[in-house]
Amino acid sequence: MKVFDQLLSIRKSKGAAYLVLIDPDKQDVAHAIKLAQTCEGAGVDALLVGGSLLLANVFDETIKSIKENCSLPLIIFPGSTLQVSKYADAILFLSVISGRNPESLIGGHVIAAPLIKSVNLETISTGYMFIDSGTVTSALFMSDTRAIPREKPDIAAAHALAAQYMGMQCVYLEGGSGAKYSVPKQVIQAVASYTEMPIICGGGIRTPDEAREKVMAGANFIVTGTIIERDSNPALIRAFADAVHMNE
């Protein structure tokens, strides 16, 4: 079964799925393995690996090592065309549809596509949308785009609908790593009511209650990163998983 189908199945059975982002720049390989194993034991459904920058040349090694020590699906969350690995299970094929930078819409994709094909990675076509989070995040700066105003849910909904009509598989509403504010529930509700695509939501989600609020608003996949990097306590990860899994 493809990874995306697995995620859809988890969404159906549990109400929503919980994903944790591991940034190779934020910890060494040994810590990344330990975090992945902790996540597996605490109810996480899948792992994302990636980051806005690669300050250390350990991307491939990190993914390979995690896969050797953890059975969770591992999906690349690429910050650039350099972030492709044959050891991953899938990759989010991101188009930054909230911006107007052609490199983030199609330019980088042309470069990455042959690399992805050569290592036979499953692609998950994703409309990537930055929602204003009260600060300029690394991902927003590196993409050279502007975020959608958080008080304009209609603009977000129209962008997501365009992604659906272009045949994308899902939409990712992103506050950004270390966001001051997470994506407002009004934006999630607008996108959920206006489109038929699964919704991924991440950035600035700091508590299990906040994660559940996103699911209640219509998000299908919740991503946390910074909060788990700071506190990888299994009890906290389990609390997030329980909050996201509405049907359990």
C-alpha atoms as a PDB file:
ATOM      1  CA  MET A   1       0.000   0.000   0.000  1.00  0.00           C
ATOM      2  CA  LYS A   2       1.285   3.459  -0.857  1.00  0.00           C
ATOM      3  CA  VAL A   3       2.154   5.776   2.012  1.00  0.00           C
ATOM      4  CA  PHE A   4      -0.514   8.297   1.102  1.00  0.00           C
ATOM      5  CA  ASP A   5      -3.138   5.541   1.078  1.00  0.00           C
ATOM      6  CA  GLN A   6      -1.910   4.459   4.510  1.00  0.00           C
ATOM      7  CA  LEU A   7      -2.384   7.994   5.788  1.00  0.00           C
ATOM      8  CA  LEU A   8      -5.878   8.169   4.334  1.00  0.00           C
ATOM      9  CA  SER A   9      -6.696   4.858   6.000  1.00  0.00           C
ATOM     10  CA  ILE A  10      -5.412   6.150   9.345  1.00  0.00           C
ATOM     11  CA  ARG A  11      -7.490   9.299   8.921  1.00  0.00           C
ATOM     12  CA  LYS A  12     -10.565   7.181   8.336  1.00  0.00           C
ATOM     13  CA  SER A  13     -10.007   4.855  11.279  1.00  0.00           C
ATOM     14  CA  LYS A  14      -8.657   7.340  13.840  1.00  0.00           C
ATOM     15  CA  GLY A  15     -10.372  10.558  12.738  1.00  0.00           C
ATOM     16  CA  ALA A  16      -7.046  12.251  11.938  1.00  0.00           C
ATOM     17  CA  ALA A  17      -3.354  11.354  11.796  1.00  0.00           C
ATOM     18  CA  TYR A  18      -0.447  12.728  13.803  1.00  0.00           C
ATOM     19  CA  LEU A  19       2.953  13.349  12.180  1.00  0.00           C
ATOM     20  CA  VAL A  20       6.175  14.547  13.799  1.00  0.00           C
ATOM     21  CA  LEU A  21       8.778  16.537  11.869  1.00  0.00           C
ATOM     22  CA  ILE A  22      12.451  15.733  12.413  1.00  0.00           C
ATOM     23  CA  ASP A  23      14.882  18.379  11.174  1.00  0.00           C
ATOM     24  CA  PRO A  24      18.394  16.945  10.606  1.00  0.00           C
ATOM     25  CA  ASP A  25      19.847  20.371  11.416  1.00  0.00           C
ATOM     26  CA  LYS A  26      18.281  20.395  14.871  1.00  0.00           C
ATOM     27  CA  GLN A  27      19.768  17.174  16.253  1.00  0.00           C
ATOM     28  CA  ASP A  28      22.484  14.642  15.491  1.00  0.00           C
ATOM     29  CA  VAL A  29      21.739  11.254  13.943  1.00  0.00           C
ATOM     30  CA  ALA A  30      21.711   9.397  17.258  1.00  0.00           C
ATOM     31  CA  HIS A  31      19.161  11.781  18.727  1.00  0.00           C
ATOM     32  CA  ALA A  32      17.041  11.594  15.566  1.00  0.00           C
ATOM     33  CA  ILE A  33      16.912   7.804  15.886  1.00  0.00           C
ATOM     34  CA  LYS A  34      15.942   8.038  19.556  1.00  0.00           C
ATOM     35  CA  LEU A  35      13.233  10.597  18.774  1.00  0.00           C
ATOM     36  CA  ALA A  36      11.829   8.426  15.979  1.00  0.00           C
ATOM     37  CA  GLN A  37      11.674   5.412  18.278  1.00  0.00           C
ATOM     38  CA  THR A  38       9.995   7.460  20.992  1.00  0.00           C
ATOM     39  CA  CYS A  39       7.428   8.657  18.477  1.00  0.00           C
ATOM     40  CA  GLU A  40       6.730   5.110  17.343  1.00  0.00           C
ATOM     41  CA  GLY A  41       6.073   4.005  20.899  1.00  0.00           C
ATOM     42  CA  ALA A  42       3.902   7.021  21.699  1.00  0.00           C
ATOM     43  CA  GLY A  43       1.288   6.694  18.956  1.00  0.00           C
ATOM     44  CA  VAL A  44       2.704   8.846  16.139  1.00  0.00           C
ATOM     45  CA  ASP A  45       1.433   7.723  12.725  1.00  0.00           C
ATOM     46  CA  ALA A  46       4.277   8.853  10.443  1.00  0.00           C
ATOM     47  CA  LEU A  47       7.465  10.911  10.388  1.00  0.00           C
ATOM     48  CA  LEU A  48       8.441  13.871   8.256  1.00  0.00           C
ATOM     49  CA  VAL A  49      12.130  14.597   7.723  1.00  0.00           C
ATOM     50  CA  GLY A  50      13.446  17.848   6.279  1.00  0.00           C
ATOM     51  CA  GLY A  51      14.255  21.471   6.961  1.00  0.00           C
ATOM     52  CA  SER A  52      14.646  24.886   5.385  1.00  0.00           C
ATOM     53  CA  LEU A  53      18.440  24.545   5.348  1.00  0.00           C
ATOM     54  CA  LEU A  54      20.979  21.733   5.473  1.00  0.00           C
ATOM     55  CA  LEU A  55      23.865  23.012   7.555  1.00  0.00           C
ATOM     56  CA  ALA A  56      25.243  19.506   8.071  1.00  0.00           C
ATOM     57  CA  ASN A  57      25.654  16.863   5.379  1.00  0.00           C
ATOM     58  CA  VAL A  58      23.692  14.175   7.230  1.00  0.00           C
ATOM     59  CA  PHE A  59      20.358  14.137   5.408  1.00  0.00           C
ATOM     60  CA  ASP A  60      20.778  10.745   3.732  1.00  0.00           C
ATOM     61  CA  GLU A  61      22.435   9.248   6.807  1.00  0.00           C
ATOM     62  CA  THR A  62      19.633  10.488   9.068  1.00  0.00           C
ATOM     63  CA  ILE A  63      16.887   8.977   6.932  1.00  0.00           C
ATOM     64  CA  LYS A  64      18.723   5.671   6.452  1.00  0.00           C
ATOM     65  CA  SER A  65      19.426   5.367  10.165  1.00  0.00           C
ATOM     66  CA  ILE A  66      15.842   6.139  11.163  1.00  0.00           C
ATOM     67  CA  LYS A  67      14.485   3.571   8.704  1.00  0.00           C
ATOM     68  CA  GLU A  68      16.848   0.927  10.096  1.00  0.00           C
ATOM     69  CA  ASN A  69      15.585   1.538  13.629  1.00  0.00           C
ATOM     70  CA  CYS A  70      11.932   2.540  13.234  1.00  0.00           C
ATOM     71  CA  SER A  71       9.016   1.103  11.266  1.00  0.00           C
ATOM     72  CA  LEU A  72       6.951   4.285  10.920  1.00  0.00           C
ATOM     73  CA  PRO A  73       6.389   5.600   7.374  1.00  0.00           C
ATOM     74  CA  LEU A  74       9.048   8.218   6.623  1.00  0.00           C
ATOM     75  CA  ILE A  75       8.137  11.081   4.316  1.00  0.00           C
ATOM     76  CA  ILE A  76      10.584  13.714   3.102  1.00  0.00           C
ATOM     77  CA  PHE A  77       9.412  17.276   3.763  1.00  0.00           C
ATOM     78  CA  PRO A  78      11.874  18.985   1.405  1.00  0.00           C
ATOM     79  CA  GLY A  79      13.265  22.449   1.903  1.00  0.00           C
ATOM     80  CA  SER A  80      15.152  22.257  -1.394  1.00  0.00           C
ATOM     81  CA  THR A  81      15.904  20.008  -4.349  1.00  0.00           C
ATOM     82  CA  LEU A  82      18.881  18.666  -2.397  1.00  0.00           C
ATOM     83  CA  GLN A  83      16.569  16.872   0.010  1.00  0.00           C
ATOM     84  CA  VAL A  84      15.932  13.635  -1.859  1.00  0.00           C
ATOM     85  CA  SER A  85      16.879  10.214  -0.487  1.00  0.00           C
ATOM     86  CA  LYS A  86      16.385   6.665  -1.733  1.00  0.00           C
ATOM     87  CA  TYR A  87      15.936   5.503   1.860  1.00  0.00           C
ATOM     88  CA  ALA A  88      12.658   7.377   2.424  1.00  0.00           C
ATOM     89  CA  ASP A  89       9.201   5.945   1.752  1.00  0.00           C
ATOM     90  CA  ALA A  90       7.727   9.030   0.071  1.00  0.00           C
ATOM     91  CA  ILE A  91       8.233  12.733  -0.516  1.00  0.00           C
ATOM     92  CA  LEU A  92       5.859  15.677  -0.334  1.00  0.00           C
ATOM     93  CA  PHE A  93       6.059  17.175  -3.834  1.00  0.00           C
ATOM     94  CA  LEU A  94       5.450  20.735  -2.668  1.00  0.00           C
ATOM     95  CA  SER A  95       4.251  23.655  -4.754  1.00  0.00           C
ATOM     96  CA  VAL A  96       4.106  26.929  -2.827  1.00  0.00           C
ATOM     97  CA  ILE A  97       0.738  27.998  -4.203  1.00  0.00           C
ATOM     98  CA  SER A  98       0.324  30.843  -1.714  1.00  0.00           C
ATOM     99  CA  GLY A  99       3.179  32.720  -3.377  1.00  0.00           C
ATOM    100  CA  ARG A 100       4.065  33.860  -6.871  1.00  0.00           C
ATOM    101  CA  ASN A 101       7.689  32.751  -7.005  1.00  0.00           C
ATOM    102  CA  PRO A 102       7.986  30.537 -10.131  1.00  0.00           C
ATOM    103  CA  GLU A 103      10.894  28.597  -8.634  1.00  0.00           C
ATOM    104  CA  SER A 104       8.657  27.437  -5.787  1.00  0.00           C
ATOM    105  CA  LEU A 105       5.753  26.740  -8.123  1.00  0.00           C
ATOM    106  CA  ILE A 106       7.530  24.734 -10.841  1.00  0.00           C
ATOM    107  CA  GLY A 107      11.219  25.651 -11.249  1.00  0.00           C
ATOM    108  CA  GLY A 108      12.682  23.465  -8.541  1.00  0.00           C
ATOM    109  CA  HIS A 109      10.266  20.663  -9.374  1.00  0.00           C
ATOM    110  CA  VAL A 110      11.739  20.210 -12.835  1.00  0.00           C
ATOM    111  CA  ILE A 111      15.174  19.734 -11.277  1.00  0.00           C
ATOM    112  CA  ALA A 112      13.941  17.402  -8.544  1.00  0.00           C
ATOM    113  CA  ALA A 113      11.622  15.215 -10.647  1.00  0.00           C
ATOM    114  CA  PRO A 114      14.330  13.138 -12.391  1.00  0.00           C
ATOM    115  CA  LEU A 115      16.115  12.626  -9.061  1.00  0.00           C
ATOM    116  CA  ILE A 116      12.919  11.427  -7.433  1.00  0.00           C
ATOM    117  CA  LYS A 117      12.193   9.077 -10.324  1.00  0.00           C
ATOM    118  CA  SER A 118      15.723   7.657 -10.222  1.00  0.00           C
ATOM    119  CA  VAL A 119      15.289   6.519  -6.610  1.00  0.00           C
ATOM    120  CA  ASN A 120      11.675   5.409  -7.131  1.00  0.00           C
ATOM    121  CA  LEU A 121      10.176   7.610  -4.397  1.00  0.00           C
ATOM    122  CA  GLU A 122       6.420   7.865  -4.003  1.00  0.00           C
ATOM    123  CA  THR A 123       5.344  11.477  -4.555  1.00  0.00           C
ATOM    124  CA  ILE A 124       2.501  13.163  -2.689  1.00  0.00           C
ATOM    125  CA  SER A 125       1.487  16.224  -4.680  1.00  0.00           C
ATOM    126  CA  THR A 126       0.886  18.968  -2.122  1.00  0.00           C
ATOM    127  CA  GLY A 127      -0.362  22.530  -2.396  1.00  0.00           C
ATOM    128  CA  TYR A 128       1.815  24.306   0.170  1.00  0.00           C
ATOM    129  CA  MET A 129       0.290  27.448   1.662  1.00  0.00           C
ATOM    130  CA  PHE A 130       1.982  29.821   4.087  1.00  0.00           C
ATOM    131  CA  ILE A 131      -0.468  31.451   6.486  1.00  0.00           C
ATOM    132  CA  ASP A 132       0.752  34.548   8.317  1.00  0.00           C
ATOM    133  CA  SER A 133       2.038  33.455  11.726  1.00  0.00           C
ATOM    134  CA  GLY A 134       3.112  36.781  13.177  1.00  0.00           C
ATOM    135  CA  THR A 135       6.757  36.361  12.175  1.00  0.00           C
ATOM    136  CA  VAL A 136       8.921  35.684   9.124  1.00  0.00           C
ATOM    137  CA  THR A 137       9.733  31.977   9.433  1.00  0.00           C
ATOM    138  CA  SER A 138      12.730  30.290   7.817  1.00  0.00           C
ATOM    139  CA  ALA A 139      10.565  28.488   5.265  1.00  0.00           C
ATOM    140  CA  LEU A 140       8.785  31.700   4.268  1.00  0.00           C
ATOM    141  CA  PHE A 141      12.057  33.586   3.870  1.00  0.00           C
ATOM    142  CA  MET A 142      13.772  30.820   1.906  1.00  0.00           C
ATOM    143  CA  SER A 143      10.819  30.459  -0.497  1.00  0.00           C
ATOM    144  CA  ASP A 144      10.894  34.210  -1.244  1.00  0.00           C
ATOM    145  CA  THR A 145       7.104  34.432  -1.037  1.00  0.00           C
ATOM    146  CA  ARG A 146       4.448  36.211   0.986  1.00  0.00           C
ATOM    147  CA  ALA A 147       2.090  34.565   3.452  1.00  0.00           C
ATOM    148  CA  ILE A 148      -1.701  34.688   3.145  1.00  0.00           C
ATOM    149  CA  PRO A 149      -3.126  37.091   5.767  1.00  0.00           C
ATOM    150  CA  ARG A 150      -4.484  35.088   8.698  1.00  0.00           C
ATOM    151  CA  GLU A 151      -7.656  37.210   8.758  1.00  0.00           C
ATOM    152  CA  LYS A 152      -8.461  36.396   5.093  1.00  0.00           C
ATOM    153  CA  PRO A 153      -9.840  32.806   5.107  1.00  0.00           C
ATOM    154  CA  ASP A 154     -11.564  33.385   1.772  1.00  0.00           C
ATOM    155  CA  ILE A 155      -8.209  33.954   0.070  1.00  0.00           C
ATOM    156  CA  ALA A 156      -6.855  30.740   1.591  1.00  0.00           C
ATOM    157  CA  ALA A 157      -9.928  28.804   0.449  1.00  0.00           C
ATOM    158  CA  ALA A 158      -9.614  30.093  -3.122  1.00  0.00           C
ATOM    159  CA  HIS A 159      -5.932  29.092  -3.272  1.00  0.00           C
ATOM    160  CA  ALA A 160      -6.724  25.618  -1.943  1.00  0.00           C
ATOM    161  CA  LEU A 161      -9.525  25.175  -4.485  1.00  0.00           C
ATOM    162  CA  ALA A 162      -7.115  26.081  -7.267  1.00  0.00           C
ATOM    163  CA  ALA A 163      -4.759  23.347  -5.995  1.00  0.00           C
ATOM    164  CA  GLN A 164      -7.621  20.864  -6.063  1.00  0.00           C
ATOM    165  CA  TYR A 165      -8.524  21.799  -9.631  1.00  0.00           C
ATOM    166  CA  MET A 166      -4.863  21.372 -10.610  1.00  0.00           C
ATOM    167  CA  GLY A 167      -5.058  17.783  -9.389  1.00  0.00           C
ATOM    168  CA  MET A 168      -3.022  18.019  -6.196  1.00  0.00           C
ATOM    169  CA  GLN A 169      -3.593  15.293  -3.606  1.00  0.00           C
ATOM    170  CA  CYS A 170      -3.679  17.450  -0.484  1.00  0.00           C
ATOM    171  CA  VAL A 171      -3.109  20.935   0.848  1.00  0.00           C
ATOM    172  CA  TYR A 172      -0.662  21.905   3.591  1.00  0.00           C
ATOM    173  CA  LEU A 173      -1.570  24.932   5.725  1.00  0.00           C
ATOM    174  CA  GLU A 174       1.725  26.082   7.199  1.00  0.00           C
ATOM    175  CA  GLY A 175       2.456  28.511   9.998  1.00  0.00           C
ATOM    176  CA  GLY A 176       6.176  27.725   9.810  1.00  0.00           C
ATOM    177  CA  SER A 177       8.759  26.357  12.211  1.00  0.00           C
ATOM    178  CA  GLY A 178       8.792  28.419  15.385  1.00  0.00           C
ATOM    179  CA  ALA A 179       5.680  30.328  14.318  1.00  0.00           C
ATOM    180  CA  LYS A 180       4.380  32.905  16.773  1.00  0.00           C
ATOM    181  CA  TYR A 181       0.794  31.906  15.987  1.00  0.00           C
ATOM    182  CA  SER A 182      -0.566  28.688  14.501  1.00  0.00           C
ATOM    183  CA  VAL A 183      -2.997  28.563  11.567  1.00  0.00           C
ATOM    184  CA  PRO A 184      -6.350  30.041  12.690  1.00  0.00           C
ATOM    185  CA  LYS A 185      -9.280  27.665  12.884  1.00  0.00           C
ATOM    186  CA  GLN A 186     -11.270  30.025  10.649  1.00  0.00           C
ATOM    187  CA  VAL A 187      -8.773  29.435   7.835  1.00  0.00           C
ATOM    188  CA  ILE A 188      -8.938  25.656   8.311  1.00  0.00           C
ATOM    189  CA  GLN A 189     -12.737  25.741   8.376  1.00  0.00           C
ATOM    190  CA  ALA A 190     -12.875  27.809   5.188  1.00  0.00           C
ATOM    191  CA  VAL A 191     -10.546  25.457   3.294  1.00  0.00           C
ATOM    192  CA  ALA A 192     -12.328  22.352   4.614  1.00  0.00           C
ATOM    193  CA  SER A 193     -15.759  23.637   3.596  1.00  0.00           C
ATOM    194  CA  TYR A 194     -14.646  24.857   0.164  1.00  0.00           C
ATOM    195  CA  THR A 195     -12.525  21.923  -1.006  1.00  0.00           C
ATOM    196  CA  GLU A 196     -12.506  18.133  -0.948  1.00  0.00           C
ATOM    197  CA  MET A 197      -8.777  17.593  -0.388  1.00  0.00           C
ATOM    198  CA  PRO A 198      -7.228  16.289   2.821  1.00  0.00           C
ATOM    199  CA  ILE A 199      -5.719  19.094   4.915  1.00  0.00           C
ATOM    200  CA  ILE A 200      -2.315  18.968   6.593  1.00  0.00           C
ATOM    201  CA  CYS A 201      -1.775  21.621   9.257  1.00  0.00           C
ATOM    202  CA  GLY A 202       1.459  22.509  11.038  1.00  0.00           C
ATOM    203  CA  GLY A 203       3.528  25.300  12.502  1.00  0.00           C
ATOM    204  CA  GLY A 204       3.193  26.859  15.933  1.00  0.00           C
ATOM    205  CA  ILE A 205       1.034  24.079  17.433  1.00  0.00           C
ATOM    206  CA  ARG A 206       2.267  23.943  21.022  1.00  0.00           C
ATOM    207  CA  THR A 207      -0.342  22.014  23.028  1.00  0.00           C
ATOM    208  CA  PRO A 208      -2.518  18.912  22.550  1.00  0.00           C
ATOM    209  CA  ASP A 209      -5.624  21.071  23.008  1.00  0.00           C
ATOM    210  CA  GLU A 210      -4.487  23.300  20.158  1.00  0.00           C
ATOM    211  CA  ALA A 211      -3.900  20.214  17.999  1.00  0.00           C
ATOM    212  CA  ARG A 212      -7.413  18.961  18.698  1.00  0.00           C
ATOM    213  CA  GLU A 213      -8.829  22.376  17.846  1.00  0.00           C
ATOM    214  CA  LYS A 214      -7.248  22.094  14.395  1.00  0.00           C
ATOM    215  CA  VAL A 215      -8.791  18.659  13.881  1.00  0.00           C
ATOM    216  CA  MET A 216     -12.197  19.891  15.035  1.00  0.00           C
ATOM    217  CA  ALA A 217     -11.903  22.735  12.522  1.00  0.00           C
ATOM    218  CA  GLY A 218     -11.295  20.278   9.662  1.00  0.00           C
ATOM    219  CA  ALA A 219      -7.579  19.400   9.572  1.00  0.00           C
ATOM    220  CA  ASN A 220      -6.908  15.738   8.756  1.00  0.00           C
ATOM    221  CA  PHE A 221      -3.168  15.554   9.481  1.00  0.00           C
ATOM    222  CA  ILE A 222      -1.463  17.447  12.294  1.00  0.00           C
ATOM    223  CA  VAL A 223       2.281  18.121  12.241  1.00  0.00           C
ATOM    224  CA  THR A 224       4.383  19.207  15.205  1.00  0.00           C
ATOM    225  CA  GLY A 225       8.110  19.851  15.131  1.00  0.00           C
ATOM    226  CA  THR A 226       9.650  22.512  17.362  1.00  0.00           C
ATOM    227  CA  ILE A 227       7.651  21.624  20.482  1.00  0.00           C
ATOM    228  CA  ILE A 228       8.759  17.971  20.250  1.00  0.00           C
ATOM    229  CA  GLU A 229      12.363  18.953  19.544  1.00  0.00           C
ATOM    230  CA  ARG A 230      12.316  20.957  22.767  1.00  0.00           C
ATOM    231  CA  ASP A 231      10.540  18.310  24.832  1.00  0.00           C
ATOM    232  CA  SER A 232      10.571  14.764  23.485  1.00  0.00           C
ATOM    233  CA  ASN A 233       8.902  13.391  26.602  1.00  0.00           C
ATOM    234  CA  PRO A 234       6.900  10.299  25.552  1.00  0.00           C
ATOM    235  CA  ALA A 235       3.976  11.447  27.685  1.00  0.00           C
ATOM    236  CA  LEU A 236       3.730  14.734  25.752  1.00  0.00           C
ATOM    237  CA  ILE A 237       3.936  12.971  22.384  1.00  0.00           C
ATOM    238  CA  ARG A 238       1.257  10.515  23.511  1.00  0.00           C
ATOM    239  CA  ALA A 239      -0.933  13.421  24.635  1.00  0.00           C
ATOM    240  CA  PHE A 240      -0.657  14.962  21.160  1.00  0.00           C
ATOM    241  CA  ALA A 241      -1.468  11.628  19.523  1.00  0.00           C
ATOM    242  CA  ASP A 242      -4.499  11.103  21.745  1.00  0.00           C
ATOM    243  CA  ALA A 243      -5.728  14.633  21.041  1.00  0.00           C
ATOM    244  CA  VAL A 244      -5.427  14.163  17.269  1.00  0.00           C
ATOM    245  CA  HIS A 245      -6.969  10.671  17.180  1.00  0.00           C
ATOM    246  CA  MET A 246     -10.569  11.741  17.598  1.00  0.00           C
ATOM    247  CA  ASN A 247     -12.013   8.244  17.033  1.00  0.00           C
ATOM    248  CA  GLU A 248      -9.984   6.498  19.731  1.00  0.00           C
END
